[in-house]
């Protein structure tokens, strides 16, 4: 049996804040008060401060002297900077993972199945969750811990959710696009790395007029 994952207190607080941002509890520009969060979770302010510092590094939070922490205003420009970096990382991951996923892509398949159900139900939360899980499995299959850590440091799940909530970024069919990537791995498509790069760039929000 796989042992349960035990998250540190800082990670638990970080997830609590992220969930609040994604759910809309804290709106863009709204202040996040350390003392209030510490009281809600019955913890000291130190791990709350550490969690906020980590979220600041992801550019989700901004702090200013004597003003505390606030949720950053998200713009399409923020995402435009992230997607080319993410696309390059996943292109490299696809190239490294191709032999392994050609033999066994079973880690990707459940997320494609779940995406078909999410598309039918128009379940945005499930679409985000399984889209990110699909891509995380792809990167993990590359077998390079540095690559995986760098990919995860982009905060892709949060940014994907926020781009849908705040910018209205939405694909027509999450399932079909990811099924096409899965099938490309299984048929040993020699252009798989470029295909994955194009797929990721195609998820970026369209420039606004």
C-alpha atoms as a PDB file:
ATOM      1  CA  UNK A   1       0.000   0.000   0.000  1.00  0.00           C
ATOM      2  CA  UNK A   2       1.162   3.550  -0.734  1.00  0.00           C
ATOM      3  CA  UNK A   3       1.595   5.562   2.479  1.00  0.00           C
ATOM      4  CA  UNK A   4      -0.511   8.719   2.730  1.00  0.00           C
ATOM      5  CA  UNK A   5       1.172  11.973   1.784  1.00  0.00           C
ATOM      6  CA  UNK A   6       1.781  14.122   4.861  1.00  0.00           C
ATOM      7  CA  UNK A   7       1.955  17.813   4.075  1.00  0.00           C
ATOM      8  CA  UNK A   8       3.827  20.261   6.273  1.00  0.00           C
ATOM      9  CA  UNK A   9       1.913  22.929   8.157  1.00  0.00           C
ATOM     10  CA  UNK A  10       3.189  25.564   5.740  1.00  0.00           C
ATOM     11  CA  UNK A  11       1.940  23.514   2.768  1.00  0.00           C
ATOM     12  CA  UNK A  12      -1.482  23.063   4.382  1.00  0.00           C
ATOM     13  CA  UNK A  13      -1.758  26.819   4.960  1.00  0.00           C
ATOM     14  CA  UNK A  14      -0.590  27.484   1.414  1.00  0.00           C
ATOM     15  CA  UNK A  15      -3.308  25.198   0.026  1.00  0.00           C
ATOM     16  CA  UNK A  16      -5.911  26.914   2.238  1.00  0.00           C
ATOM     17  CA  UNK A  17      -4.964  30.313   0.823  1.00  0.00           C
ATOM     18  CA  UNK A  18      -4.803  29.022  -2.746  1.00  0.00           C
ATOM     19  CA  UNK A  19      -8.253  27.461  -2.398  1.00  0.00           C
ATOM     20  CA  UNK A  20      -9.551  30.794  -1.115  1.00  0.00           C
ATOM     21  CA  UNK A  21      -8.113  32.630  -4.119  1.00  0.00           C
ATOM     22  CA  UNK A  22      -9.334  30.083  -6.676  1.00  0.00           C
ATOM     23  CA  UNK A  23     -12.814  29.878  -5.120  1.00  0.00           C
ATOM     24  CA  UNK A  24     -13.139  33.653  -5.105  1.00  0.00           C
ATOM     25  CA  UNK A  25     -13.111  34.098  -1.343  1.00  0.00           C
ATOM     26  CA  UNK A  26     -10.313  36.619  -1.870  1.00  0.00           C
ATOM     27  CA  UNK A  27     -10.743  38.767  -4.965  1.00  0.00           C
ATOM     28  CA  UNK A  28      -7.942  40.380  -6.987  1.00  0.00           C
ATOM     29  CA  UNK A  29      -6.572  43.344  -5.056  1.00  0.00           C
ATOM     30  CA  UNK A  30      -8.089  42.193  -1.763  1.00  0.00           C
ATOM     31  CA  UNK A  31      -5.937  42.159   1.354  1.00  0.00           C
ATOM     32  CA  UNK A  32      -5.048  38.853   3.019  1.00  0.00           C
ATOM     33  CA  UNK A  33      -4.563  39.331   6.757  1.00  0.00           C
ATOM     34  CA  UNK A  34      -1.971  37.052   8.390  1.00  0.00           C
ATOM     35  CA  UNK A  35      -3.498  37.319  11.857  1.00  0.00           C
ATOM     36  CA  UNK A  36      -6.976  36.427  10.616  1.00  0.00           C
ATOM     37  CA  UNK A  37      -5.754  33.312   8.788  1.00  0.00           C
ATOM     38  CA  UNK A  38      -3.696  32.266  11.814  1.00  0.00           C
ATOM     39  CA  UNK A  39      -6.801  32.596  13.994  1.00  0.00           C
ATOM     40  CA  UNK A  40      -9.006  30.649  11.563  1.00  0.00           C
ATOM     41  CA  UNK A  41      -6.520  27.764  11.389  1.00  0.00           C
ATOM     42  CA  UNK A  42      -5.392  28.003  15.026  1.00  0.00           C
ATOM     43  CA  UNK A  43      -1.709  28.361  14.125  1.00  0.00           C
ATOM     44  CA  UNK A  44       0.973  30.971  14.726  1.00  0.00           C
ATOM     45  CA  UNK A  45       1.571  33.729  12.203  1.00  0.00           C
ATOM     46  CA  UNK A  46       5.030  32.407  11.289  1.00  0.00           C
ATOM     47  CA  UNK A  47       3.904  29.520   8.995  1.00  0.00           C
ATOM     48  CA  UNK A  48       1.229  31.806   7.529  1.00  0.00           C
ATOM     49  CA  UNK A  49       3.933  34.334   6.667  1.00  0.00           C
ATOM     50  CA  UNK A  50       6.047  31.554   5.118  1.00  0.00           C
ATOM     51  CA  UNK A  51       3.111  30.357   3.003  1.00  0.00           C
ATOM     52  CA  UNK A  52       2.409  33.898   1.801  1.00  0.00           C
ATOM     53  CA  UNK A  53       6.073  34.351   0.916  1.00  0.00           C
ATOM     54  CA  UNK A  54       5.923  31.184  -1.210  1.00  0.00           C
ATOM     55  CA  UNK A  55       2.777  32.411  -2.958  1.00  0.00           C
ATOM     56  CA  UNK A  56       4.489  35.734  -3.597  1.00  0.00           C
ATOM     57  CA  UNK A  57       7.240  33.848  -5.421  1.00  0.00           C
ATOM     58  CA  UNK A  58       4.489  32.362  -7.618  1.00  0.00           C
ATOM     59  CA  UNK A  59       3.271  35.919  -8.258  1.00  0.00           C
ATOM     60  CA  UNK A  60      -0.149  35.193  -6.765  1.00  0.00           C
ATOM     61  CA  UNK A  61       0.420  37.505  -3.812  1.00  0.00           C
ATOM     62  CA  UNK A  62       2.072  40.906  -3.640  1.00  0.00           C
ATOM     63  CA  UNK A  63       3.249  42.666  -0.496  1.00  0.00           C
ATOM     64  CA  UNK A  64       4.056  46.283   0.218  1.00  0.00           C
ATOM     65  CA  UNK A  65       5.527  47.960   3.332  1.00  0.00           C
ATOM     66  CA  UNK A  66       2.830  48.855   5.878  1.00  0.00           C
ATOM     67  CA  UNK A  67       0.132  47.485   3.562  1.00  0.00           C
ATOM     68  CA  UNK A  68       0.501  43.717   4.020  1.00  0.00           C
ATOM     69  CA  UNK A  69      -0.292  41.055   1.449  1.00  0.00           C
ATOM     70  CA  UNK A  70      -2.841  41.351  -1.335  1.00  0.00           C
ATOM     71  CA  UNK A  71      -4.041  39.075  -4.129  1.00  0.00           C
ATOM     72  CA  UNK A  72      -2.370  40.184  -7.344  1.00  0.00           C
ATOM     73  CA  UNK A  73      -4.450  41.428 -10.221  1.00  0.00           C
ATOM     74  CA  UNK A  74      -4.167  38.706 -12.873  1.00  0.00           C
ATOM     75  CA  UNK A  75      -3.725  39.791 -16.457  1.00  0.00           C
ATOM     76  CA  UNK A  76      -3.360  37.950 -19.734  1.00  0.00           C
ATOM     77  CA  UNK A  77       0.214  39.284 -19.827  1.00  0.00           C
ATOM     78  CA  UNK A  78       1.055  37.265 -16.690  1.00  0.00           C
ATOM     79  CA  UNK A  79      -0.073  34.085 -18.404  1.00  0.00           C
ATOM     80  CA  UNK A  80       1.597  34.994 -21.668  1.00  0.00           C
ATOM     81  CA  UNK A  81       4.931  34.894 -19.827  1.00  0.00           C
ATOM     82  CA  UNK A  82       4.252  31.524 -18.202  1.00  0.00           C
ATOM     83  CA  UNK A  83       3.014  29.494 -21.166  1.00  0.00           C
ATOM     84  CA  UNK A  84       6.158  29.660 -23.361  1.00  0.00           C
ATOM     85  CA  UNK A  85       8.274  28.553 -20.377  1.00  0.00           C
ATOM     86  CA  UNK A  86       5.843  25.757 -19.574  1.00  0.00           C
ATOM     87  CA  UNK A  87       5.708  24.716 -23.243  1.00  0.00           C
ATOM     88  CA  UNK A  88       9.500  24.466 -23.400  1.00  0.00           C
ATOM     89  CA  UNK A  89       9.630  22.350 -20.245  1.00  0.00           C
ATOM     90  CA  UNK A  90       6.901  20.009 -21.449  1.00  0.00           C
ATOM     91  CA  UNK A  91       8.508  19.709 -24.876  1.00  0.00           C
ATOM     92  CA  UNK A  92      11.673  18.499 -23.143  1.00  0.00           C
ATOM     93  CA  UNK A  93       9.650  16.218 -20.869  1.00  0.00           C
ATOM     94  CA  UNK A  94       7.798  14.691 -23.834  1.00  0.00           C
ATOM     95  CA  UNK A  95      11.063  13.919 -25.600  1.00  0.00           C
ATOM     96  CA  UNK A  96      12.479  12.209 -22.492  1.00  0.00           C
ATOM     97  CA  UNK A  97       9.232  10.412 -21.635  1.00  0.00           C
ATOM     98  CA  UNK A  98       8.366   9.217 -25.159  1.00  0.00           C
ATOM     99  CA  UNK A  99       9.978   5.729 -24.932  1.00  0.00           C
ATOM    100  CA  UNK A 100       8.372   5.024 -21.564  1.00  0.00           C
ATOM    101  CA  UNK A 101       4.904   6.299 -22.502  1.00  0.00           C
ATOM    102  CA  UNK A 102       5.002   4.438 -25.820  1.00  0.00           C
ATOM    103  CA  UNK A 103       5.293   1.207 -23.824  1.00  0.00           C
ATOM    104  CA  UNK A 104       2.822   2.129 -21.092  1.00  0.00           C
ATOM    105  CA  UNK A 105       0.685   5.273 -21.058  1.00  0.00           C
ATOM    106  CA  UNK A 106      -1.769   3.932 -18.473  1.00  0.00           C
ATOM    107  CA  UNK A 107      -0.973   6.806 -16.064  1.00  0.00           C
ATOM    108  CA  UNK A 108      -2.423   9.282 -18.562  1.00  0.00           C
ATOM    109  CA  UNK A 109      -5.548   7.375 -19.588  1.00  0.00           C
ATOM    110  CA  UNK A 110      -7.687   7.845 -16.420  1.00  0.00           C
ATOM    111  CA  UNK A 111      -7.367  11.607 -16.745  1.00  0.00           C
ATOM    112  CA  UNK A 112      -8.546  11.520 -20.358  1.00  0.00           C
ATOM    113  CA  UNK A 113     -11.540   9.417 -19.289  1.00  0.00           C
ATOM    114  CA  UNK A 114     -12.273  11.851 -16.464  1.00  0.00           C
ATOM    115  CA  UNK A 115     -11.987  14.797 -18.865  1.00  0.00           C
ATOM    116  CA  UNK A 116     -14.646  13.324 -21.160  1.00  0.00           C
ATOM    117  CA  UNK A 117     -16.993  13.182 -18.157  1.00  0.00           C
ATOM    118  CA  UNK A 118     -16.008  16.704 -17.079  1.00  0.00           C
ATOM    119  CA  UNK A 119     -16.596  18.068 -20.587  1.00  0.00           C
ATOM    120  CA  UNK A 120     -20.063  16.508 -20.713  1.00  0.00           C
ATOM    121  CA  UNK A 121     -20.932  17.954 -17.309  1.00  0.00           C
ATOM    122  CA  UNK A 122     -19.254  21.308 -18.052  1.00  0.00           C
ATOM    123  CA  UNK A 123     -17.429  20.821 -14.733  1.00  0.00           C
ATOM    124  CA  UNK A 124     -14.721  23.472 -14.803  1.00  0.00           C
ATOM    125  CA  UNK A 125     -13.139  22.362 -11.532  1.00  0.00           C
ATOM    126  CA  UNK A 126     -12.711  18.778 -12.774  1.00  0.00           C
ATOM    127  CA  UNK A 127     -11.420  20.009 -16.127  1.00  0.00           C
ATOM    128  CA  UNK A 128      -8.667  21.963 -14.390  1.00  0.00           C
ATOM    129  CA  UNK A 129      -7.836  19.155 -11.963  1.00  0.00           C
ATOM    130  CA  UNK A 130      -7.500  16.413 -14.566  1.00  0.00           C
ATOM    131  CA  UNK A 131      -5.821  18.623 -17.164  1.00  0.00           C
ATOM    132  CA  UNK A 132      -3.075  19.506 -14.700  1.00  0.00           C
ATOM    133  CA  UNK A 133      -2.841  15.902 -13.436  1.00  0.00           C
ATOM    134  CA  UNK A 134      -2.423  14.665 -17.031  1.00  0.00           C
ATOM    135  CA  UNK A 135       0.448  17.063 -17.642  1.00  0.00           C
ATOM    136  CA  UNK A 136       2.054  16.304 -14.285  1.00  0.00           C
ATOM    137  CA  UNK A 137       2.057  12.585 -15.149  1.00  0.00           C
ATOM    138  CA  UNK A 138       3.639  13.436 -18.496  1.00  0.00           C
ATOM    139  CA  UNK A 139       6.424  15.418 -16.817  1.00  0.00           C
ATOM    140  CA  UNK A 140       6.936  12.752 -14.144  1.00  0.00           C
ATOM    141  CA  UNK A 141       7.336  10.131 -16.884  1.00  0.00           C
ATOM    142  CA  UNK A 142      10.442  11.992 -18.054  1.00  0.00           C
ATOM    143  CA  UNK A 143      12.203  10.686 -14.930  1.00  0.00           C
ATOM    144  CA  UNK A 144      13.988  13.974 -14.266  1.00  0.00           C
ATOM    145  CA  UNK A 145      13.407  15.393 -10.779  1.00  0.00           C
ATOM    146  CA  UNK A 146      14.898  18.797 -11.625  1.00  0.00           C
ATOM    147  CA  UNK A 147      12.542  19.137 -14.580  1.00  0.00           C
ATOM    148  CA  UNK A 148       9.548  18.136 -12.454  1.00  0.00           C
ATOM    149  CA  UNK A 149      10.475  20.553  -9.653  1.00  0.00           C
ATOM    150  CA  UNK A 150      10.896  23.417 -12.136  1.00  0.00           C
ATOM    151  CA  UNK A 151       7.535  22.614 -13.757  1.00  0.00           C
ATOM    152  CA  UNK A 152       5.763  22.469 -10.390  1.00  0.00           C
ATOM    153  CA  UNK A 153       7.338  25.755  -9.295  1.00  0.00           C
ATOM    154  CA  UNK A 154       5.322  27.542 -12.001  1.00  0.00           C
ATOM    155  CA  UNK A 155       2.120  26.964  -9.989  1.00  0.00           C
ATOM    156  CA  UNK A 156       0.381  25.636 -13.083  1.00  0.00           C
ATOM    157  CA  UNK A 157      -2.765  24.327 -11.385  1.00  0.00           C
ATOM    158  CA  UNK A 158      -3.468  27.650  -9.720  1.00  0.00           C
ATOM    159  CA  UNK A 159      -2.776  29.712 -12.819  1.00  0.00           C
ATOM    160  CA  UNK A 160      -4.903  27.393 -14.972  1.00  0.00           C
ATOM    161  CA  UNK A 161      -7.838  27.698 -12.580  1.00  0.00           C
ATOM    162  CA  UNK A 162      -7.481  31.457 -12.286  1.00  0.00           C
ATOM    163  CA  UNK A 163      -7.183  31.947 -16.041  1.00  0.00           C
ATOM    164  CA  UNK A 164     -10.553  30.226 -16.435  1.00  0.00           C
ATOM    165  CA  UNK A 165     -12.181  32.072 -13.524  1.00  0.00           C
ATOM    166  CA  UNK A 166     -10.820  35.564 -14.131  1.00  0.00           C
ATOM    167  CA  UNK A 167     -10.027  35.669 -17.843  1.00  0.00           C
ATOM    168  CA  UNK A 168     -12.622  33.273 -19.201  1.00  0.00           C
ATOM    169  CA  UNK A 169      -9.944  31.105 -20.828  1.00  0.00           C
ATOM    170  CA  UNK A 170     -11.651  27.897 -21.916  1.00  0.00           C
ATOM    171  CA  UNK A 171     -10.950  25.165 -24.435  1.00  0.00           C
ATOM    172  CA  UNK A 172     -13.715  23.625 -26.527  1.00  0.00           C
ATOM    173  CA  UNK A 173     -12.837  20.043 -25.604  1.00  0.00           C
ATOM    174  CA  UNK A 174     -10.268  19.274 -22.948  1.00  0.00           C
ATOM    175  CA  UNK A 175     -10.751  15.528 -23.407  1.00  0.00           C
ATOM    176  CA  UNK A 176     -10.259  15.373 -27.180  1.00  0.00           C
ATOM    177  CA  UNK A 177      -7.088  17.460 -27.071  1.00  0.00           C
ATOM    178  CA  UNK A 178      -5.525  15.312 -24.361  1.00  0.00           C
ATOM    179  CA  UNK A 179      -6.696  12.092 -26.017  1.00  0.00           C
ATOM    180  CA  UNK A 180      -4.808  13.203 -29.142  1.00  0.00           C
ATOM    181  CA  UNK A 181      -1.620  13.667 -27.096  1.00  0.00           C
ATOM    182  CA  UNK A 182      -2.063  10.251 -25.473  1.00  0.00           C
ATOM    183  CA  UNK A 183      -2.564   8.570 -28.856  1.00  0.00           C
ATOM    184  CA  UNK A 184       0.532  10.301 -30.235  1.00  0.00           C
ATOM    185  CA  UNK A 185       2.646   8.793 -27.466  1.00  0.00           C
ATOM    186  CA  UNK A 186       1.149   5.337 -28.051  1.00  0.00           C
ATOM    187  CA  UNK A 187       1.804   5.363 -31.788  1.00  0.00           C
ATOM    188  CA  UNK A 188       5.381   6.624 -31.203  1.00  0.00           C
ATOM    189  CA  UNK A 189       4.833   9.820 -33.155  1.00  0.00           C
ATOM    190  CA  UNK A 190       8.346  11.116 -33.979  1.00  0.00           C
ATOM    191  CA  UNK A 191       7.028  14.682 -33.696  1.00  0.00           C
ATOM    192  CA  UNK A 192       5.625  14.159 -30.188  1.00  0.00           C
ATOM    193  CA  UNK A 193       7.805  16.795 -28.487  1.00  0.00           C
ATOM    194  CA  UNK A 194       6.736  19.525 -30.913  1.00  0.00           C
ATOM    195  CA  UNK A 195       3.137  18.337 -30.722  1.00  0.00           C
ATOM    196  CA  UNK A 196       3.143  18.716 -26.927  1.00  0.00           C
ATOM    197  CA  UNK A 197       4.702  22.173 -27.198  1.00  0.00           C
ATOM    198  CA  UNK A 198       1.994  23.289 -29.645  1.00  0.00           C
ATOM    199  CA  UNK A 199      -0.674  21.797 -27.411  1.00  0.00           C
ATOM    200  CA  UNK A 200       0.520  23.758 -24.361  1.00  0.00           C
ATOM    201  CA  UNK A 201       0.857  27.015 -26.289  1.00  0.00           C
ATOM    202  CA  UNK A 202      -2.653  26.465 -27.623  1.00  0.00           C
ATOM    203  CA  UNK A 203      -3.964  26.549 -24.044  1.00  0.00           C
ATOM    204  CA  UNK A 204      -2.698  30.099 -23.485  1.00  0.00           C
ATOM    205  CA  UNK A 205      -5.302  32.878 -23.341  1.00  0.00           C
ATOM    206  CA  UNK A 206      -5.854  34.665 -26.630  1.00  0.00           C
ATOM    207  CA  UNK A 207      -4.586  38.249 -26.702  1.00  0.00           C
ATOM    208  CA  UNK A 208      -7.359  40.744 -26.091  1.00  0.00           C
ATOM    209  CA  UNK A 209      -8.013  43.431 -28.680  1.00  0.00           C
END
